[in-house]
Amino acid sequence: MQTLDARHIELFLCEEYKNGSWDYQLVGSHDIKKRADGAAGAIFDTKHLEDSSTSAVFDYKSWIGKPNDWQPKAMIGFHAVAVNTNLQENEGINVKYHAMKAGPDGEVVSIRISQQLL
């Protein structure tokens, strides 16, 4: 399983987060039911897609591992983060998207993308 978490920098200061009253909620999921060469996930601040630090994340060929490199690789920018893991033989992956909100009607304070082999 591969998990990518992106959290608001001040999340650890919030009492509701520390006492566990804020939790992740499933936003969506998707099964890829055929062989996947890699598991990849990325989170972007859409207001900064054209920033130079974000464009480095889009240049995935410069930072992902060679096909036989099984170690996860990541790229982190000021407004973007991505992770990739090359996969051995498999029958597909299940991708789940979670979000944590600051209370029932609050803003999103954390995003989680998890990927698991089928």
PDB file of N, CA and C in Angstrom:
ATOM      1  N   MET A   1       0.852  -1.177   0.000  1.00  0.00           N
ATOM      2  CA  MET A   1       0.000   0.000   0.000  1.00  0.00           C
ATOM      3  C   MET A   1       0.894   1.234   0.000  1.00  0.00           C
ATOM      4  N   GLN A   2       0.477   2.232  -0.752  1.00  0.00           N
ATOM      5  CA  GLN A   2       1.171   3.520  -0.796  1.00  0.00           C
ATOM      6  C   GLN A   2       0.175   4.590  -0.368  1.00  0.00           C
ATOM      7  N   THR A   3       0.621   5.496   0.493  1.00  0.00           N
ATOM      8  CA  THR A   3      -0.257   6.566   0.968  1.00  0.00           C
ATOM      9  C   THR A   3       0.458   7.894   0.846  1.00  0.00           C
ATOM     10  N   LEU A   4      -0.250   8.882   0.331  1.00  0.00           N
ATOM     11  CA  LEU A   4       0.252  10.253   0.229  1.00  0.00           C
ATOM     12  C   LEU A   4      -0.655  11.130   1.077  1.00  0.00           C
ATOM     13  N   ASP A   5      -0.083  11.779   2.097  1.00  0.00           N
ATOM     14  CA  ASP A   5      -0.820  12.688   2.972  1.00  0.00           C
ATOM     15  C   ASP A   5      -0.305  14.099   2.756  1.00  0.00           C
ATOM     16  N   ALA A   6      -1.201  15.046   2.626  1.00  0.00           N
ATOM     17  CA  ALA A   6      -0.838  16.463   2.589  1.00  0.00           C
ATOM     18  C   ALA A   6      -1.702  17.163   3.626  1.00  0.00           C
ATOM     19  N   ARG A   7      -1.037  17.824   4.577  1.00  0.00           N
ATOM     20  CA  ARG A   7      -1.763  18.449   5.690  1.00  0.00           C
ATOM     21  C   ARG A   7      -1.428  19.921   5.790  1.00  0.00           C
ATOM     22  N   HIS A   8      -2.400  20.691   6.258  1.00  0.00           N
ATOM     23  CA  HIS A   8      -2.162  22.102   6.523  1.00  0.00           C
ATOM     24  C   HIS A   8      -1.066  22.208   7.570  1.00  0.00           C
ATOM     25  N   ILE A   9      -0.135  23.102   7.383  1.00  0.00           N
ATOM     26  CA  ILE A   9       1.048  23.192   8.235  1.00  0.00           C
ATOM     27  C   ILE A   9       0.721  23.425   9.709  1.00  0.00           C
ATOM     28  N   GLU A  10      -0.391  24.072  10.010  1.00  0.00           N
ATOM     29  CA  GLU A  10      -0.737  24.354  11.398  1.00  0.00           C
ATOM     30  C   GLU A  10      -1.737  23.356  11.985  1.00  0.00           C
ATOM     31  N   LEU A  11      -1.992  22.277  11.278  1.00  0.00           N
ATOM     32  CA  LEU A  11      -2.968  21.286  11.728  1.00  0.00           C
ATOM     33  C   LEU A  11      -2.627  20.736  13.109  1.00  0.00           C
ATOM     34  N   PHE A  12      -1.348  20.518  13.367  1.00  0.00           N
ATOM     35  CA  PHE A  12      -0.933  19.924  14.641  1.00  0.00           C
ATOM     36  C   PHE A  12      -1.162  20.852  15.832  1.00  0.00           C
ATOM     37  N   LEU A  13      -1.479  22.106  15.585  1.00  0.00           N
ATOM     38  CA  LEU A  13      -1.764  23.044  16.658  1.00  0.00           C
ATOM     39  C   LEU A  13      -3.245  23.048  17.051  1.00  0.00           C
ATOM     40  N   CYS A  14      -4.085  22.450  16.250  1.00  0.00           N
ATOM     41  CA  CYS A  14      -5.529  22.461  16.497  1.00  0.00           C
ATOM     42  C   CYS A  14      -5.911  21.388  17.510  1.00  0.00           C
ATOM     43  N   GLU A  15      -6.594  21.789  18.559  1.00  0.00           N
ATOM     44  CA  GLU A  15      -6.989  20.861  19.616  1.00  0.00           C
ATOM     45  C   GLU A  15      -7.904  19.758  19.071  1.00  0.00           C
ATOM     46  N   GLU A  16      -8.798  20.091  18.139  1.00  0.00           N
ATOM     47  CA  GLU A  16      -9.720  19.099  17.578  1.00  0.00           C
ATOM     48  C   GLU A  16      -8.962  17.999  16.827  1.00  0.00           C
ATOM     49  N   TYR A  17      -7.868  18.369  16.185  1.00  0.00           N
ATOM     50  CA  TYR A  17      -7.046  17.365  15.509  1.00  0.00           C
ATOM     51  C   TYR A  17      -6.331  16.495  16.546  1.00  0.00           C
ATOM     52  N   LYS A  18      -5.759  17.142  17.555  1.00  0.00           N
ATOM     53  CA  LYS A  18      -4.995  16.410  18.569  1.00  0.00           C
ATOM     54  C   LYS A  18      -5.869  15.443  19.364  1.00  0.00           C
ATOM     55  N   ASN A  19      -7.123  15.827  19.638  1.00  0.00           N
ATOM     56  CA  ASN A  19      -7.966  14.929  20.439  1.00  0.00           C
ATOM     57  C   ASN A  19      -8.755  13.930  19.571  1.00  0.00           C
ATOM     58  N   GLY A  20      -8.556  13.974  18.268  1.00  0.00           N
ATOM     59  CA  GLY A  20      -9.145  12.982  17.377  1.00  0.00           C
ATOM     60  C   GLY A  20     -10.574  13.242  16.954  1.00  0.00           C
ATOM     61  N   SER A  21     -11.112  14.444  17.212  1.00  0.00           N
ATOM     62  CA  SER A  21     -12.495  14.693  16.805  1.00  0.00           C
ATOM     63  C   SER A  21     -12.609  15.007  15.304  1.00  0.00           C
ATOM     64  N   TRP A  22     -11.502  15.352  14.666  1.00  0.00           N
ATOM     65  CA  TRP A  22     -11.480  15.494  13.205  1.00  0.00           C
ATOM     66  C   TRP A  22     -10.920  14.203  12.634  1.00  0.00           C
ATOM     67  N   ASP A  23     -11.583  13.652  11.625  1.00  0.00           N
ATOM     68  CA  ASP A  23     -11.138  12.392  11.044  1.00  0.00           C
ATOM     69  C   ASP A  23     -11.301  12.451   9.530  1.00  0.00           C
ATOM     70  N   TYR A  24     -10.627  11.550   8.848  1.00  0.00           N
ATOM     71  CA  TYR A  24     -10.731  11.473   7.390  1.00  0.00           C
ATOM     72  C   TYR A  24     -12.077  10.897   6.982  1.00  0.00           C
ATOM     73  N   GLN A  25     -12.629  11.443   5.926  1.00  0.00           N
ATOM     74  CA  GLN A  25     -13.861  10.940   5.323  1.00  0.00           C
ATOM     75  C   GLN A  25     -13.539  10.515   3.893  1.00  0.00           C
ATOM     76  N   LEU A  26     -14.060   9.375   3.481  1.00  0.00           N
ATOM     77  CA  LEU A  26     -13.853   8.891   2.123  1.00  0.00           C
ATOM     78  C   LEU A  26     -14.569   9.813   1.142  1.00  0.00           C
ATOM     79  N   VAL A  27     -13.831  10.333   0.169  1.00  0.00           N
ATOM     80  CA  VAL A  27     -14.389  11.216  -0.850  1.00  0.00           C
ATOM     81  C   VAL A  27     -14.715  10.428  -2.114  1.00  0.00           C
ATOM     82  N   GLY A  28     -13.896   9.431  -2.413  1.00  0.00           N
ATOM     83  CA  GLY A  28     -14.123   8.618  -3.601  1.00  0.00           C
ATOM     84  C   GLY A  28     -13.117   7.493  -3.684  1.00  0.00           C
ATOM     85  N   SER A  29     -13.396   6.540  -4.574  1.00  0.00           N
ATOM     86  CA  SER A  29     -12.462   5.447  -4.800  1.00  0.00           C
ATOM     87  C   SER A  29     -12.588   4.981  -6.241  1.00  0.00           C
ATOM     88  N   HIS A  30     -11.548   4.324  -6.699  1.00  0.00           N
ATOM     89  CA  HIS A  30     -11.525   3.867  -8.087  1.00  0.00           C
ATOM     90  C   HIS A  30     -10.652   2.619  -8.180  1.00  0.00           C
ATOM     91  N   ASP A  31     -11.140   1.596  -8.870  1.00  0.00           N
ATOM     92  CA  ASP A  31     -10.349   0.400  -9.129  1.00  0.00           C
ATOM     93  C   ASP A  31      -9.808   0.445 -10.544  1.00  0.00           C
ATOM     94  N   ILE A  32      -8.526   0.190 -10.679  1.00  0.00           N
ATOM     95  CA  ILE A  32      -7.898  -0.001 -11.988  1.00  0.00           C
ATOM     96  C   ILE A  32      -7.713  -1.510 -12.092  1.00  0.00           C
ATOM     97  N   LYS A  33      -8.524  -2.152 -12.927  1.00  0.00           N
ATOM     98  CA  LYS A  33      -8.581  -3.613 -12.948  1.00  0.00           C
ATOM     99  C   LYS A  33      -7.731  -4.215 -14.055  1.00  0.00           C
ATOM    100  N   LYS A  34      -6.580  -3.639 -14.261  1.00  0.00           N
ATOM    101  CA  LYS A  34      -5.604  -4.220 -15.178  1.00  0.00           C
ATOM    102  C   LYS A  34      -4.225  -3.894 -14.640  1.00  0.00           C
ATOM    103  N   ARG A  35      -3.225  -4.587 -15.144  1.00  0.00           N
ATOM    104  CA  ARG A  35      -1.862  -4.410 -14.657  1.00  0.00           C
ATOM    105  C   ARG A  35      -1.478  -2.941 -14.656  1.00  0.00           C
ATOM    106  N   ALA A  36      -0.905  -2.501 -13.540  1.00  0.00           N
ATOM    107  CA  ALA A  36      -0.423  -1.120 -13.420  1.00  0.00           C
ATOM    108  C   ALA A  36       1.095  -1.161 -13.280  1.00  0.00           C
ATOM    109  N   ASP A  37       1.791  -0.351 -14.071  1.00  0.00           N
ATOM    110  CA  ASP A  37       3.249  -0.288 -13.998  1.00  0.00           C
ATOM    111  C   ASP A  37       3.720   0.432 -12.741  1.00  0.00           C
ATOM    112  N   GLY A  38       2.891   1.353 -12.251  1.00  0.00           N
ATOM    113  CA  GLY A  38       3.278   2.111 -11.073  1.00  0.00           C
ATOM    114  C   GLY A  38       2.067   2.656 -10.359  1.00  0.00           C
ATOM    115  N   ALA A  39       2.278   2.989  -9.099  1.00  0.00           N
ATOM    116  CA  ALA A  39       1.250   3.659  -8.304  1.00  0.00           C
ATOM    117  C   ALA A  39       1.734   5.092  -8.117  1.00  0.00           C
ATOM    118  N   ALA A  40       0.928   6.046  -8.550  1.00  0.00           N
ATOM    119  CA  ALA A  40       1.327   7.451  -8.473  1.00  0.00           C
ATOM    120  C   ALA A  40       0.184   8.271  -7.896  1.00  0.00           C
ATOM    121  N   GLY A  41       0.548   9.279  -7.134  1.00  0.00           N
ATOM    122  CA  GLY A  41      -0.438  10.193  -6.581  1.00  0.00           C
ATOM    123  C   GLY A  41       0.169  11.581  -6.487  1.00  0.00           C
ATOM    124  N   ALA A  42      -0.661  12.593  -6.651  1.00  0.00           N
ATOM    125  CA  ALA A  42      -0.174  13.972  -6.580  1.00  0.00           C
ATOM    126  C   ALA A  42      -1.270  14.874  -6.040  1.00  0.00           C
ATOM    127  N   ILE A  43      -0.854  15.915  -5.345  1.00  0.00           N
ATOM    128  CA  ILE A  43      -1.772  16.918  -4.815  1.00  0.00           C
ATOM    129  C   ILE A  43      -1.196  18.279  -5.180  1.00  0.00           C
ATOM    130  N   PHE A  44      -2.043  19.137  -5.786  1.00  0.00           N
ATOM    131  CA  PHE A  44      -1.610  20.446  -6.261  1.00  0.00           C
ATOM    132  C   PHE A  44      -2.508  21.541  -5.724  1.00  0.00           C
ATOM    133  N   ASP A  45      -1.947  22.704  -5.492  1.00  0.00           N
ATOM    134  CA  ASP A  45      -2.735  23.912  -5.261  1.00  0.00           C
ATOM    135  C   ASP A  45      -2.958  24.498  -6.645  1.00  0.00           C
ATOM    136  N   THR A  46      -4.191  24.445  -7.132  1.00  0.00           N
ATOM    137  CA  THR A  46      -4.468  24.851  -8.504  1.00  0.00           C
ATOM    138  C   THR A  46      -4.157  26.317  -8.782  1.00  0.00           C
ATOM    139  N   LYS A  47      -4.059  27.134  -7.752  1.00  0.00           N
ATOM    140  CA  LYS A  47      -3.704  28.544  -7.944  1.00  0.00           C
ATOM    141  C   LYS A  47      -2.239  28.703  -8.343  1.00  0.00           C
ATOM    142  N   HIS A  48      -1.454  27.640  -8.169  1.00  0.00           N
ATOM    143  CA  HIS A  48      -0.008  27.736  -8.410  1.00  0.00           C
ATOM    144  C   HIS A  48       0.477  26.719  -9.440  1.00  0.00           C
ATOM    145  N   LEU A  49      -0.386  26.298 -10.364  1.00  0.00           N
ATOM    146  CA  LEU A  49       0.012  25.298 -11.350  1.00  0.00           C
ATOM    147  C   LEU A  49       1.145  25.763 -12.258  1.00  0.00           C
ATOM    148  N   GLU A  50       1.256  27.052 -12.491  1.00  0.00           N
ATOM    149  CA  GLU A  50       2.286  27.555 -13.395  1.00  0.00           C
ATOM    150  C   GLU A  50       3.566  27.994 -12.686  1.00  0.00           C
ATOM    151  N   ASP A  51       3.632  27.857 -11.364  1.00  0.00           N
ATOM    152  CA  ASP A  51       4.848  28.191 -10.628  1.00  0.00           C
ATOM    153  C   ASP A  51       5.969  27.230 -11.001  1.00  0.00           C
ATOM    154  N   SER A  52       7.208  27.702 -10.951  1.00  0.00           N
ATOM    155  CA  SER A  52       8.346  26.854 -11.319  1.00  0.00           C
ATOM    156  C   SER A  52       8.483  25.652 -10.386  1.00  0.00           C
ATOM    157  N   SER A  53       8.203  25.825  -9.104  1.00  0.00           N
ATOM    158  CA  SER A  53       8.324  24.692  -8.177  1.00  0.00           C
ATOM    159  C   SER A  53       7.273  23.619  -8.481  1.00  0.00           C
ATOM    160  N   THR A  54       6.112  24.028  -8.988  1.00  0.00           N
ATOM    161  CA  THR A  54       5.073  23.068  -9.349  1.00  0.00           C
ATOM    162  C   THR A  54       5.406  22.384 -10.668  1.00  0.00           C
ATOM    163  N   SER A  55       5.976  23.100 -11.599  1.00  0.00           N
ATOM    164  CA  SER A  55       6.293  22.504 -12.897  1.00  0.00           C
ATOM    165  C   SER A  55       7.306  21.369 -12.757  1.00  0.00           C
ATOM    166  N   ALA A  56       8.169  21.414 -11.744  1.00  0.00           N
ATOM    167  CA  ALA A  56       9.119  20.323 -11.518  1.00  0.00           C
ATOM    168  C   ALA A  56       8.393  19.022 -11.193  1.00  0.00           C
ATOM    169  N   VAL A  57       7.253  19.093 -10.515  1.00  0.00           N
ATOM    170  CA  VAL A  57       6.472  17.905 -10.190  1.00  0.00           C
ATOM    171  C   VAL A  57       5.894  17.298 -11.468  1.00  0.00           C
ATOM    172  N   PHE A  58       5.490  18.141 -12.413  1.00  0.00           N
ATOM    173  CA  PHE A  58       4.933  17.651 -13.678  1.00  0.00           C
ATOM    174  C   PHE A  58       5.977  16.954 -14.542  1.00  0.00           C
ATOM    175  N   ASP A  59       7.244  17.247 -14.353  1.00  0.00           N
ATOM    176  CA  ASP A  59       8.324  16.629 -15.126  1.00  0.00           C
ATOM    177  C   ASP A  59       8.685  15.297 -14.483  1.00  0.00           C
ATOM    178  N   TYR A  60       7.729  14.368 -14.488  1.00  0.00           N
ATOM    179  CA  TYR A  60       7.878  13.121 -13.734  1.00  0.00           C
ATOM    180  C   TYR A  60       9.038  12.258 -14.228  1.00  0.00           C
ATOM    181  N   LYS A  61       9.391  12.344 -15.498  1.00  0.00           N
ATOM    182  CA  LYS A  61      10.500  11.522 -15.995  1.00  0.00           C
ATOM    183  C   LYS A  61      11.818  11.895 -15.346  1.00  0.00           C
ATOM    184  N   SER A  62      11.907  13.094 -14.790  1.00  0.00           N
ATOM    185  CA  SER A  62      13.153  13.524 -14.154  1.00  0.00           C
ATOM    186  C   SER A  62      13.292  13.012 -12.718  1.00  0.00           C
ATOM    187  N   TRP A  63      12.204  12.517 -12.112  1.00  0.00           N
ATOM    188  CA  TRP A  63      12.311  12.114 -10.713  1.00  0.00           C
ATOM    189  C   TRP A  63      11.805  10.713 -10.388  1.00  0.00           C
ATOM    190  N   ILE A  64      11.026  10.064 -11.276  1.00  0.00           N
ATOM    191  CA  ILE A  64      10.588   8.693 -10.948  1.00  0.00           C
ATOM    192  C   ILE A  64      11.742   7.720 -11.164  1.00  0.00           C
ATOM    193  N   GLY A  65      11.666   6.574 -10.527  1.00  0.00           N
ATOM    194  CA  GLY A  65      12.723   5.573 -10.621  1.00  0.00           C
ATOM    195  C   GLY A  65      12.717   4.853 -11.959  1.00  0.00           C
ATOM    196  N   LYS A  66      13.841   4.251 -12.280  1.00  0.00           N
ATOM    197  CA  LYS A  66      13.946   3.391 -13.466  1.00  0.00           C
ATOM    198  C   LYS A  66      12.971   2.226 -13.309  1.00  0.00           C
ATOM    199  N   PRO A  67      12.570   1.571 -14.413  1.00  0.00           N
ATOM    200  CA  PRO A  67      11.549   0.508 -14.333  1.00  0.00           C
ATOM    201  C   PRO A  67      11.834  -0.599 -13.319  1.00  0.00           C
ATOM    202  N   ASN A  68      13.088  -0.942 -13.048  1.00  0.00           N
ATOM    203  CA  ASN A  68      13.378  -2.017 -12.095  1.00  0.00           C
ATOM    204  C   ASN A  68      13.753  -1.488 -10.705  1.00  0.00           C
ATOM    205  N   ASP A  69      13.504  -0.219 -10.449  1.00  0.00           N
ATOM    206  CA  ASP A  69      13.760   0.398  -9.143  1.00  0.00           C
ATOM    207  C   ASP A  69      12.461   0.381  -8.346  1.00  0.00           C
ATOM    208  N   TRP A  70      12.412  -0.399  -7.272  1.00  0.00           N
ATOM    209  CA  TRP A  70      11.179  -0.594  -6.512  1.00  0.00           C
ATOM    210  C   TRP A  70      11.037   0.371  -5.340  1.00  0.00           C
ATOM    211  N   GLN A  71      12.001   1.262  -5.134  1.00  0.00           N
ATOM    212  CA  GLN A  71      11.914   2.223  -4.034  1.00  0.00           C
ATOM    213  C   GLN A  71      10.991   3.385  -4.412  1.00  0.00           C
ATOM    214  N   PRO A  72      10.103   3.788  -3.516  1.00  0.00           N
ATOM    215  CA  PRO A  72       9.243   4.946  -3.801  1.00  0.00           C
ATOM    216  C   PRO A  72      10.077   6.201  -4.043  1.00  0.00           C
ATOM    217  N   LYS A  73       9.598   7.046  -4.931  1.00  0.00           N
ATOM    218  CA  LYS A  73      10.232   8.328  -5.229  1.00  0.00           C
ATOM    219  C   LYS A  73       9.186   9.418  -5.033  1.00  0.00           C
ATOM    220  N   ALA A  74       9.646  10.585  -4.606  1.00  0.00           N
ATOM    221  CA  ALA A  74       8.706  11.692  -4.378  1.00  0.00           C
ATOM    222  C   ALA A  74       9.326  12.994  -4.861  1.00  0.00           C
ATOM    223  N   MET A  75       8.463  13.937  -5.169  1.00  0.00           N
ATOM    224  CA  MET A  75       8.864  15.296  -5.531  1.00  0.00           C
ATOM    225  C   MET A  75       7.991  16.230  -4.701  1.00  0.00           C
ATOM    226  N   ILE A  76       8.639  17.183  -4.045  1.00  0.00           N
ATOM    227  CA  ILE A  76       7.920  18.111  -3.178  1.00  0.00           C
ATOM    228  C   ILE A  76       8.228  19.530  -3.613  1.00  0.00           C
ATOM    229  N   GLY A  77       7.182  20.315  -3.834  1.00  0.00           N
ATOM    230  CA  GLY A  77       7.315  21.730  -4.141  1.00  0.00           C
ATOM    231  C   GLY A  77       6.560  22.538  -3.096  1.00  0.00           C
ATOM    232  N   PHE A  78       6.624  23.862  -3.223  1.00  0.00           N
ATOM    233  CA  PHE A  78       5.910  24.707  -2.259  1.00  0.00           C
ATOM    234  C   PHE A  78       4.401  24.498  -2.329  1.00  0.00           C
ATOM    235  N   HIS A  79       3.882  24.227  -3.535  1.00  0.00           N
ATOM    236  CA  HIS A  79       2.436  24.123  -3.712  1.00  0.00           C
ATOM    237  C   HIS A  79       2.018  22.821  -4.384  1.00  0.00           C
ATOM    238  N   ALA A  80       2.895  21.815  -4.348  1.00  0.00           N
ATOM    239  CA  ALA A  80       2.578  20.536  -4.974  1.00  0.00           C
ATOM    240  C   ALA A  80       3.437  19.439  -4.364  1.00  0.00           C
ATOM    241  N   VAL A  81       2.902  18.229  -4.395  1.00  0.00           N
ATOM    242  CA  VAL A  81       3.634  17.061  -3.925  1.00  0.00           C
ATOM    243  C   VAL A  81       3.185  15.872  -4.772  1.00  0.00           C
ATOM    244  N   ALA A  82       4.118  14.968  -5.049  1.00  0.00           N
ATOM    245  CA  ALA A  82       3.779  13.768  -5.814  1.00  0.00           C
ATOM    246  C   ALA A  82       4.645  12.609  -5.338  1.00  0.00           C
ATOM    247  N   VAL A  83       4.129  11.399  -5.503  1.00  0.00           N
ATOM    248  CA  VAL A  83       4.856  10.184  -5.135  1.00  0.00           C
ATOM    249  C   VAL A  83       4.604   9.141  -6.216  1.00  0.00           C
ATOM    250  N   ASN A  84       5.601   8.305  -6.471  1.00  0.00           N
ATOM    251  CA  ASN A  84       5.475   7.229  -7.445  1.00  0.00           C
ATOM    252  C   ASN A  84       6.246   6.014  -6.940  1.00  0.00           C
ATOM    253  N   THR A  85       5.651   4.845  -7.100  1.00  0.00           N
ATOM    254  CA  THR A  85       6.320   3.588  -6.805  1.00  0.00           C
ATOM    255  C   THR A  85       6.114   2.677  -7.998  1.00  0.00           C
ATOM    256  N   ASN A  86       7.201   2.168  -8.567  1.00  0.00           N
ATOM    257  CA  ASN A  86       7.088   1.189  -9.638  1.00  0.00           C
ATOM    258  C   ASN A  86       6.591  -0.117  -9.039  1.00  0.00           C
ATOM    259  N   LEU A  87       5.749  -0.826  -9.787  1.00  0.00           N
ATOM    260  CA  LEU A  87       5.123  -2.036  -9.264  1.00  0.00           C
ATOM    261  C   LEU A  87       5.588  -3.275 -10.010  1.00  0.00           C
ATOM    262  N   GLN A  88       5.684  -4.379  -9.273  1.00  0.00           N
ATOM    263  CA  GLN A  88       5.942  -5.672  -9.893  1.00  0.00           C
ATOM    264  C   GLN A  88       4.614  -6.205 -10.424  1.00  0.00           C
ATOM    265  N   GLU A  89       4.600  -7.433 -10.911  1.00  0.00           N
ATOM    266  CA  GLU A  89       3.381  -8.020 -11.470  1.00  0.00           C
ATOM    267  C   GLU A  89       2.204  -7.826 -10.526  1.00  0.00           C
ATOM    268  N   ASN A  90       1.069  -7.443 -11.089  1.00  0.00           N
ATOM    269  CA  ASN A  90      -0.127  -7.218 -10.288  1.00  0.00           C
ATOM    270  C   ASN A  90      -1.347  -7.327 -11.177  1.00  0.00           C
ATOM    271  N   GLU A  91      -2.515  -7.277 -10.555  1.00  0.00           N
ATOM    272  CA  GLU A  91      -3.779  -7.350 -11.286  1.00  0.00           C
ATOM    273  C   GLU A  91      -4.531  -6.027 -11.230  1.00  0.00           C
ATOM    274  N   GLY A  92      -3.833  -4.964 -10.829  1.00  0.00           N
ATOM    275  CA  GLY A  92      -4.445  -3.654 -10.752  1.00  0.00           C
ATOM    276  C   GLY A  92      -4.296  -3.057  -9.366  1.00  0.00           C
ATOM    277  N   ILE A  93      -4.875  -1.866  -9.200  1.00  0.00           N
ATOM    278  CA  ILE A  93      -4.802  -1.184  -7.901  1.00  0.00           C
ATOM    279  C   ILE A  93      -6.148  -0.554  -7.557  1.00  0.00           C
ATOM    280  N   ASN A  94      -6.369  -0.405  -6.264  1.00  0.00           N
ATOM    281  CA  ASN A  94      -7.522   0.316  -5.741  1.00  0.00           C
ATOM    282  C   ASN A  94      -7.010   1.652  -5.212  1.00  0.00           C
ATOM    283  N   VAL A  95      -7.616   2.735  -5.665  1.00  0.00           N
ATOM    284  CA  VAL A  95      -7.220   4.077  -5.244  1.00  0.00           C
ATOM    285  C   VAL A  95      -8.358   4.662  -4.414  1.00  0.00           C
ATOM    286  N   LYS A  96      -8.008   5.208  -3.235  1.00  0.00           N
ATOM    287  CA  LYS A  96      -9.008   5.848  -2.372  1.00  0.00           C
ATOM    288  C   LYS A  96      -8.576   7.280  -2.083  1.00  0.00           C
ATOM    289  N   TYR A  97      -9.553   8.178  -2.062  1.00  0.00           N
ATOM    290  CA  TYR A  97      -9.323   9.592  -1.790  1.00  0.00           C
ATOM    291  C   TYR A  97     -10.069   9.961  -0.514  1.00  0.00           C
ATOM    292  N   HIS A  98      -9.342  10.541   0.445  1.00  0.00           N
ATOM    293  CA  HIS A  98      -9.929  10.959   1.724  1.00  0.00           C
ATOM    294  C   HIS A  98      -9.642  12.439   1.960  1.00  0.00           C
ATOM    295  N   ALA A  99     -10.518  13.079   2.704  1.00  0.00           N
ATOM    296  CA  ALA A  99     -10.310  14.472   3.108  1.00  0.00           C
ATOM    297  C   ALA A  99     -10.686  14.618   4.573  1.00  0.00           C
ATOM    298  N   MET A 100      -9.954  15.490   5.270  1.00  0.00           N
ATOM    299  CA  MET A 100     -10.267  15.832   6.651  1.00  0.00           C
ATOM    300  C   MET A 100     -10.668  17.298   6.674  1.00  0.00           C
ATOM    301  N   LYS A 101     -11.824  17.573   7.254  1.00  0.00           N
ATOM    302  CA  LYS A 101     -12.318  18.952   7.349  1.00  0.00           C
ATOM    303  C   LYS A 101     -12.213  19.460   8.776  1.00  0.00           C
ATOM    304  N   ALA A 102     -12.087  20.764   8.906  1.00  0.00           N
ATOM    305  CA  ALA A 102     -12.063  21.422  10.214  1.00  0.00           C
ATOM    306  C   ALA A 102     -13.502  21.547  10.690  1.00  0.00           C
ATOM    307  N   GLY A 103     -14.054  20.451  11.169  1.00  0.00           N
ATOM    308  CA  GLY A 103     -15.452  20.421  11.595  1.00  0.00           C
ATOM    309  C   GLY A 103     -16.358  20.058  10.432  1.00  0.00           C
ATOM    310  N   PRO A 104     -17.637  19.821  10.689  1.00  0.00           N
ATOM    311  CA  PRO A 104     -18.574  19.362   9.655  1.00  0.00           C
ATOM    312  C   PRO A 104     -18.663  20.273   8.430  1.00  0.00           C
ATOM    313  N   ASP A 105     -18.629  21.578   8.622  1.00  0.00           N
ATOM    314  CA  ASP A 105     -18.745  22.515   7.509  1.00  0.00           C
ATOM    315  C   ASP A 105     -17.457  23.307   7.277  1.00  0.00           C
ATOM    316  N   GLY A 106     -16.367  22.860   7.882  1.00  0.00           N
ATOM    317  CA  GLY A 106     -15.109  23.590   7.806  1.00  0.00           C
ATOM    318  C   GLY A 106     -14.348  23.342   6.523  1.00  0.00           C
ATOM    319  N   GLU A 107     -13.228  24.048   6.407  1.00  0.00           N
ATOM    320  CA  GLU A 107     -12.388  23.895   5.229  1.00  0.00           C
ATOM    321  C   GLU A 107     -11.590  22.596   5.324  1.00  0.00           C
ATOM    322  N   VAL A 108     -11.133  22.112   4.172  1.00  0.00           N
ATOM    323  CA  VAL A 108     -10.316  20.910   4.126  1.00  0.00           C
ATOM    324  C   VAL A 108      -8.940  21.245   4.697  1.00  0.00           C
ATOM    325  N   VAL A 109      -8.500  20.451   5.677  1.00  0.00           N
ATOM    326  CA  VAL A 109      -7.206  20.686   6.316  1.00  0.00           C
ATOM    327  C   VAL A 109      -6.196  19.581   6.006  1.00  0.00           C
ATOM    328  N   SER A 110      -6.667  18.482   5.408  1.00  0.00           N
ATOM    329  CA  SER A 110      -5.770  17.397   5.062  1.00  0.00           C
ATOM    330  C   SER A 110      -6.386  16.553   3.951  1.00  0.00           C
ATOM    331  N   ILE A 111      -5.529  16.053   3.067  1.00  0.00           N
ATOM    332  CA  ILE A 111      -5.951  15.189   1.956  1.00  0.00           C
ATOM    333  C   ILE A 111      -5.089  13.939   2.008  1.00  0.00           C
ATOM    334  N   ARG A 112      -5.698  12.794   1.752  1.00  0.00           N
ATOM    335  CA  ARG A 112      -4.968  11.521   1.731  1.00  0.00           C
ATOM    336  C   ARG A 112      -5.357  10.750   0.472  1.00  0.00           C
ATOM    337  N   ILE A 113      -4.365  10.258  -0.243  1.00  0.00           N
ATOM    338  CA  ILE A 113      -4.568   9.376  -1.377  1.00  0.00           C
ATOM    339  C   ILE A 113      -3.866   8.069  -1.049  1.00  0.00           C
ATOM    340  N   SER A 114      -4.601   6.955  -1.072  1.00  0.00           N
ATOM    341  CA  SER A 114      -3.976   5.654  -0.818  1.00  0.00           C
ATOM    342  C   SER A 114      -4.210   4.743  -2.008  1.00  0.00           C
ATOM    343  N   GLN A 115      -3.213   3.912  -2.262  1.00  0.00           N
ATOM    344  CA  GLN A 115      -3.280   2.976  -3.368  1.00  0.00           C
ATOM    345  C   GLN A 115      -2.851   1.609  -2.874  1.00  0.00           C
ATOM    346  N   GLN A 116      -3.657   0.583  -3.193  1.00  0.00           N
ATOM    347  CA  GLN A 116      -3.377  -0.759  -2.725  1.00  0.00           C
ATOM    348  C   GLN A 116      -3.542  -1.729  -3.888  1.00  0.00           C
ATOM    349  N   LEU A 117      -2.644  -2.706  -3.976  1.00  0.00           N
ATOM    350  CA  LEU A 117      -2.737  -3.706  -5.038  1.00  0.00           C
ATOM    351  C   LEU A 117      -3.995  -4.535  -4.895  1.00  0.00           C
ATOM    352  N   LEU A 118      -4.601  -4.871  -6.028  1.00  0.00           N
ATOM    353  CA  LEU A 118      -5.770  -5.761  -6.025  1.00  0.00           C
ATOM    354  C   LEU A 118      -5.306  -7.204  -5.960  1.00  0.00           C
TER     355      LEU A 118
END
